[in-house]
Amino acid sequence: MTINGADMFLQALEQKARIMALGARANVEDNRELCSWLLDPLAVWAQSAYGDAVFEFAARGYAQYCYGVARSQKVYEKLGAYSPESMPEIMSAVYENEGEMLPYMWAAILIYAFWPSMVGHLAMFRDEFVRRLPRGARVLEVASGHGVLSLLAANERPDIHIEGVDISPPAVAVANRLLAASGNSDRVSFSVKDAMDLNDRSGEKNYQGIISAMLAEHLPNPEPLFQTISRRASPDGLVFFSTAIESPQRDHVFEFNWESQPLRMAEAAGLRATRLISDAGNLAVGSRFLPRATAMILKPR
């Protein structure tokens, strides 16, 4: 019997972190068609790019990531505020460090299928962004990381072209290996670049689609991100935006406490939300904070 991609990742997780695999499998089973849309092609690309050992490596990275999130949340509850490292430390110790970024990248994509708070984002991304992009759209992914969202979009829509940029060389290396395995190199590119460079005027109003997934919380001030998105989105463009609310991690430097905060930033930059979702993780008894993941579909005003 052929084992599908979702089960290849889940079986590896069950072998390496069984306690975490229970919740992950339950979420996949509850959303099998949607999660398979992500995990089945990802398994093919990952195995082609990295070999059979990739599933064990991804499982270990996911488990390591989840433990880190739990530790950060515990500190957050105690201090009552985020306690991130300084940006120079984050750049050198995380974003430019291959040993840190590789497992982080696998976890960052698996959470879309394994976490109840993220699976709604995947549905919104596919059904309300990718499938509604204008014909022949040019798409920009800001902080593309592992590149999988762009690759899924290209897989779904053979008429679109996508440019992904990220400041992390190890992340872009992962994205390019998966890109080569995906067969989409003629329509997708990934490069090391700071998409927040306001002196770069080359992309003004040129993109019919913009992806900014789980980036804003990594920025000391997210407001320029919305200004960049507004400046680069064409009048008929669509934007998929997401961020973390009350969800600390080692490299989360901006603390959102309310869904209205990123929404107001978007509106101030000349964007309007046509759809917003916010899903919570599990709340421990006695917790002051509720980790949430918020996503919006935005359009230029």
Protein backbone atom coordinates (compact mmCIF):
# COMPACT_ATOMS: atom_id res chain seq x y z
CA MET A 1 0.00 0.00 0.00
CA THR A 2 1.29 3.46 -0.92
CA ILE A 3 1.89 5.75 2.05
CA ASN A 4 0.93 9.35 1.37
CA GLY A 5 3.03 12.35 2.30
CA ALA A 6 1.01 13.28 5.35
CA ASP A 7 1.54 9.87 6.89
CA MET A 8 5.26 9.90 6.11
CA PHE A 9 5.69 13.01 8.23
CA LEU A 10 3.35 11.73 10.93
CA GLN A 11 5.02 8.34 11.20
CA ALA A 12 8.39 10.01 11.66
CA LEU A 13 6.92 12.23 14.36
CA GLU A 14 5.37 9.24 16.12
CA GLN A 15 8.80 7.61 16.25
CA LYS A 16 10.64 10.69 17.53
CA ALA A 17 8.08 12.62 19.61
CA ARG A 18 5.03 10.48 20.20
CA ILE A 19 3.38 12.82 22.68
CA MET A 20 3.35 15.58 20.04
CA ALA A 21 2.30 13.20 17.27
CA LEU A 22 -1.07 12.51 18.89
CA GLY A 23 -2.31 16.07 18.45
CA ALA A 24 -0.71 16.43 15.03
CA ARG A 25 -2.40 13.30 13.69
CA ALA A 26 -5.76 14.34 15.13
CA ASN A 27 -5.50 17.69 13.37
CA VAL A 28 -4.53 16.07 10.07
CA GLU A 29 -7.37 13.55 10.30
CA ASP A 30 -9.86 16.35 11.00
CA ASN A 31 -8.59 18.26 7.96
CA ARG A 32 -7.27 15.46 5.75
CA GLU A 33 -7.95 16.99 2.31
CA LEU A 34 -6.50 20.38 3.22
CA CYS A 35 -3.46 19.02 5.08
CA SER A 36 -2.73 16.60 2.23
CA TRP A 37 -2.72 19.58 -0.15
CA LEU A 38 0.33 20.75 1.79
CA LEU A 39 2.01 17.58 3.00
CA ASP A 40 1.73 15.32 -0.06
CA PRO A 41 3.71 17.54 -2.47
CA LEU A 42 6.03 18.63 0.35
CA ALA A 43 6.96 14.99 1.02
CA VAL A 44 7.82 14.47 -2.65
CA TRP A 45 9.92 17.62 -2.85
CA ALA A 46 11.63 17.01 0.50
CA GLN A 47 12.51 13.40 -0.27
CA SER A 48 13.85 14.33 -3.69
CA ALA A 49 15.91 17.21 -2.28
CA TYR A 50 17.20 15.61 0.93
CA GLY A 51 16.61 11.86 0.79
CA ASP A 52 14.67 9.56 3.11
CA ALA A 53 16.34 10.96 6.25
CA VAL A 54 14.45 14.23 5.80
CA PHE A 55 11.34 12.93 7.56
CA GLU A 56 13.22 12.10 10.76
CA PHE A 57 15.06 15.42 10.57
CA ALA A 58 11.78 17.31 10.10
CA ALA A 59 10.20 15.46 13.04
CA ARG A 60 13.13 16.34 15.30
CA GLY A 61 12.99 19.97 14.17
CA TYR A 62 9.27 20.15 14.86
CA ALA A 63 9.66 18.68 18.34
CA GLN A 64 12.55 21.04 19.13
CA TYR A 65 10.47 23.99 17.95
CA CYS A 66 7.45 23.00 20.06
CA TYR A 67 9.58 22.66 23.19
CA GLY A 68 11.05 26.09 22.53
CA VAL A 69 7.60 27.63 22.13
CA ALA A 70 6.47 26.07 25.43
CA ARG A 71 9.54 27.41 27.26
CA SER A 72 9.02 30.91 25.84
CA GLN A 73 5.36 30.90 26.82
CA LYS A 74 6.28 29.90 30.38
CA VAL A 75 8.69 32.84 30.65
CA TYR A 76 6.06 35.14 29.12
CA GLU A 77 3.51 34.14 31.75
CA LYS A 78 6.05 34.85 34.49
CA LEU A 79 7.34 38.19 33.21
CA GLY A 80 4.14 39.50 31.64
CA ALA A 81 5.98 40.65 28.51
CA TYR A 82 8.13 39.27 25.70
CA SER A 83 11.82 38.78 26.44
CA PRO A 84 13.43 38.34 23.01
CA GLU A 85 17.12 38.46 22.26
CA SER A 86 18.49 41.63 20.67
CA MET A 87 18.22 41.86 16.88
CA PRO A 88 21.99 41.48 16.25
CA GLU A 89 21.98 38.31 18.37
CA ILE A 90 18.92 36.99 16.53
CA MET A 91 20.57 37.64 13.16
CA SER A 92 23.81 35.85 14.03
CA ALA A 93 22.45 33.10 16.28
CA VAL A 94 19.27 32.27 14.35
CA TYR A 95 18.78 33.69 10.85
CA GLU A 96 22.37 33.27 9.67
CA ASN A 97 23.00 30.04 11.58
CA GLU A 98 22.35 26.96 9.45
CA GLY A 99 22.18 24.68 12.49
CA GLU A 100 19.35 26.77 13.92
CA MET A 101 17.51 27.64 10.73
CA LEU A 102 17.24 24.19 9.10
CA PRO A 103 15.14 22.53 11.85
CA TYR A 104 13.28 25.82 12.37
CA MET A 105 12.29 25.89 8.68
CA TRP A 106 10.78 22.40 8.78
CA ALA A 107 8.81 23.20 11.90
CA ALA A 108 7.63 26.50 10.43
CA ILE A 109 5.85 24.70 7.60
CA LEU A 110 4.64 21.61 9.48
CA ILE A 111 2.71 23.73 11.98
CA TYR A 112 0.25 24.63 9.19
CA ALA A 113 -0.91 21.00 9.14
CA PHE A 114 -0.19 19.99 12.74
CA TRP A 115 -1.55 22.93 14.79
CA PRO A 116 -5.30 23.66 15.09
CA SER A 117 -4.46 27.37 15.36
CA MET A 118 -2.73 27.34 11.95
CA VAL A 119 -4.79 25.06 9.72
CA GLY A 120 -7.34 27.81 9.15
CA HIS A 121 -4.52 29.94 7.73
CA LEU A 122 -3.77 27.23 5.19
CA ALA A 123 -7.41 27.13 4.09
CA MET A 124 -7.52 30.93 3.75
CA PHE A 125 -4.24 30.97 1.85
CA ARG A 126 -5.41 28.36 -0.66
CA ASP A 127 -9.09 29.22 -1.07
CA GLU A 128 -9.18 33.00 -0.63
CA PHE A 129 -5.73 34.02 -1.86
CA VAL A 130 -4.15 31.55 -4.29
CA ARG A 131 -7.37 30.55 -6.06
CA ARG A 132 -8.55 34.17 -6.37
CA LEU A 133 -5.38 35.75 -7.76
CA PRO A 134 -5.81 37.48 -11.13
CA ARG A 135 -4.87 35.44 -14.18
CA GLY A 136 -1.12 35.58 -14.83
CA ALA A 137 -0.44 37.32 -11.51
CA ARG A 138 3.01 38.38 -10.39
CA VAL A 139 3.40 37.44 -6.72
CA LEU A 140 5.91 38.58 -4.10
CA GLU A 141 6.52 36.60 -0.91
CA VAL A 142 8.13 38.74 1.78
CA ALA A 143 10.31 36.68 4.16
CA SER A 144 9.66 33.52 2.16
CA GLY A 145 11.70 31.29 4.50
CA HIS A 146 11.34 27.66 3.42
CA GLY A 147 9.47 28.78 0.29
CA VAL A 148 6.74 26.18 0.61
CA LEU A 149 3.82 28.62 0.49
CA SER A 150 5.13 30.01 -2.80
CA LEU A 151 5.71 26.51 -4.17
CA LEU A 152 2.19 25.42 -3.22
CA ALA A 153 0.79 28.50 -4.93
CA ALA A 154 2.78 27.76 -8.08
CA ASN A 155 1.68 24.13 -7.96
CA GLU A 156 -1.97 25.20 -7.74
CA ARG A 157 -1.74 28.00 -10.30
CA PRO A 158 0.49 27.22 -13.33
CA ASP A 159 -0.25 30.69 -14.75
CA ILE A 160 1.42 32.76 -12.00
CA HIS A 161 5.03 33.84 -11.39
CA ILE A 162 6.44 34.23 -7.89
CA GLU A 163 9.46 36.00 -6.40
CA GLY A 164 10.41 35.07 -2.83
CA VAL A 165 12.90 37.07 -0.77
CA ASP A 166 14.35 36.47 2.69
CA ILE A 167 17.21 37.85 4.76
CA SER A 168 18.33 34.36 5.89
CA PRO A 169 20.81 32.59 3.57
CA PRO A 170 20.14 29.15 5.15
CA ALA A 171 16.38 29.59 4.67
CA VAL A 172 16.82 30.59 1.03
CA ALA A 173 19.08 27.55 0.52
CA VAL A 174 16.26 25.29 1.77
CA ALA A 175 13.76 27.05 -0.49
CA ASN A 176 15.98 26.66 -3.55
CA ARG A 177 16.53 22.95 -2.94
CA LEU A 178 12.79 22.38 -2.66
CA LEU A 179 12.24 24.59 -5.71
CA ALA A 180 14.60 22.48 -7.81
CA ALA A 181 12.72 19.35 -6.75
CA SER A 182 9.31 20.91 -7.44
CA GLY A 183 9.84 21.53 -11.14
CA ASN A 184 8.72 25.15 -10.87
CA SER A 185 12.07 26.86 -11.43
CA ASP A 186 10.79 28.55 -14.57
CA ARG A 187 8.14 30.48 -12.65
CA VAL A 188 9.48 30.78 -9.07
CA SER A 189 12.68 32.31 -7.71
CA PHE A 190 14.11 32.76 -4.21
CA SER A 191 16.89 35.17 -3.26
CA VAL A 192 18.60 36.64 -0.23
CA LYS A 193 17.25 40.16 0.05
CA ASP A 194 15.76 42.55 2.57
CA ALA A 195 12.23 43.15 1.31
CA MET A 196 11.93 46.05 3.76
CA ASP A 197 14.52 48.09 1.87
CA LEU A 198 12.52 51.26 1.30
CA ASN A 199 15.16 52.57 -1.14
CA ASP A 200 14.32 49.77 -3.58
CA ARG A 201 11.60 51.24 -5.81
CA SER A 202 11.70 48.47 -8.45
CA GLY A 203 8.62 46.65 -7.23
CA GLU A 204 6.21 49.56 -6.86
CA LYS A 205 2.63 48.58 -7.72
CA ASN A 206 3.93 45.62 -9.73
CA TYR A 207 2.52 42.69 -7.77
CA GLN A 208 -1.00 41.32 -8.06
CA GLY A 209 -0.32 39.06 -5.06
CA ILE A 210 1.76 39.59 -1.91
CA ILE A 211 2.41 37.01 0.82
CA SER A 212 3.57 38.12 4.26
CA ALA A 213 3.18 35.08 6.50
CA MET A 214 4.20 35.22 10.17
CA LEU A 215 6.71 38.02 9.66
CA ALA A 216 5.38 41.11 11.48
CA GLU A 217 6.09 39.73 14.97
CA HIS A 218 9.77 39.36 14.00
CA LEU A 219 10.17 43.08 13.30
CA PRO A 220 10.97 45.74 15.94
CA ASN A 221 8.34 47.94 14.26
CA PRO A 222 5.88 46.25 11.85
CA GLU A 223 4.39 49.50 10.50
CA PRO A 224 6.93 49.84 7.63
CA LEU A 225 5.99 46.30 6.52
CA PHE A 226 2.43 47.41 5.82
CA GLN A 227 3.73 50.50 4.02
CA THR A 228 5.93 48.28 1.84
CA ILE A 229 3.00 45.97 1.08
CA SER A 230 0.75 48.92 0.19
CA ARG A 231 3.42 50.44 -2.05
CA ARG A 232 4.06 47.20 -3.96
CA ALA A 233 0.53 45.88 -4.36
CA SER A 234 -1.21 46.70 -7.64
CA PRO A 235 -4.69 48.25 -7.49
CA ASP A 236 -6.26 44.86 -8.27
CA GLY A 237 -3.90 43.00 -5.93
CA LEU A 238 -4.56 40.56 -3.11
CA VAL A 239 -2.49 40.26 0.09
CA PHE A 240 -2.23 37.28 2.42
CA PHE A 241 -0.99 38.51 5.78
CA SER A 242 -0.58 36.62 9.05
CA THR A 243 1.04 37.18 12.43
CA ALA A 244 1.25 35.81 15.97
CA ILE A 245 -0.68 37.32 18.88
CA GLU A 246 0.53 36.84 22.48
CA SER A 247 2.81 34.07 21.24
CA PRO A 248 6.44 34.65 22.30
CA GLN A 249 9.41 32.93 20.73
CA ARG A 250 13.13 33.49 20.77
CA ASP A 251 12.98 35.76 17.72
CA HIS A 252 9.58 37.40 18.24
CA VAL A 253 10.44 41.00 19.01
CA PHE A 254 7.10 42.79 18.60
CA GLU A 255 4.30 41.88 20.98
CA PHE A 256 0.80 42.00 19.53
CA ASN A 257 -1.90 41.67 22.20
CA TRP A 258 -5.01 42.36 20.12
CA GLU A 259 -6.13 41.49 16.61
CA SER A 260 -7.03 45.15 16.11
CA GLN A 261 -3.35 46.16 16.26
CA PRO A 262 -2.16 44.68 12.93
CA LEU A 263 -5.53 45.56 11.40
CA ARG A 264 -5.11 49.22 12.31
CA MET A 265 -1.56 49.23 10.96
CA ALA A 266 -2.84 47.83 7.67
CA GLU A 267 -5.59 50.43 7.48
CA ALA A 268 -3.17 53.26 8.26
CA ALA A 269 -1.03 52.11 5.31
CA GLY A 270 -3.96 52.28 2.90
CA LEU A 271 -5.10 48.66 2.99
CA ARG A 272 -8.51 47.25 3.89
CA ALA A 273 -9.27 43.80 5.27
CA THR A 274 -11.88 41.75 3.45
CA ARG A 275 -11.50 38.75 5.74
CA LEU A 276 -9.89 38.09 9.15
CA ILE A 277 -9.54 34.93 11.22
CA SER A 278 -7.89 34.37 14.57
CA ASP A 279 -7.46 30.94 16.11
CA ALA A 280 -6.12 30.11 19.56
CA GLY A 281 -3.84 27.44 20.88
CA ASN A 282 -4.51 25.49 24.05
CA LEU A 283 -4.86 27.69 27.12
CA ALA A 284 -3.23 26.35 30.27
CA VAL A 285 -5.22 26.69 33.49
CA GLY A 286 -4.41 30.00 35.17
CA SER A 287 -2.78 31.55 32.09
CA ARG A 288 -2.94 35.30 31.58
CA PHE A 289 -2.19 35.17 27.86
CA LEU A 290 -3.83 33.34 24.98
CA PRO A 291 -1.53 32.48 22.04
CA ARG A 292 -3.32 33.13 18.76
CA ALA A 293 -2.52 33.08 15.07
CA THR A 294 -4.24 35.79 13.02
CA ALA A 295 -4.55 35.97 9.24
CA MET A 296 -6.11 38.54 6.93
CA ILE A 297 -6.88 39.00 3.28
CA LEU A 298 -6.04 42.61 2.44
CA LYS A 299 -6.68 44.76 -0.62
CA PRO A 300 -5.47 48.25 -1.55
CA ARG A 301 -7.99 50.91 -0.63
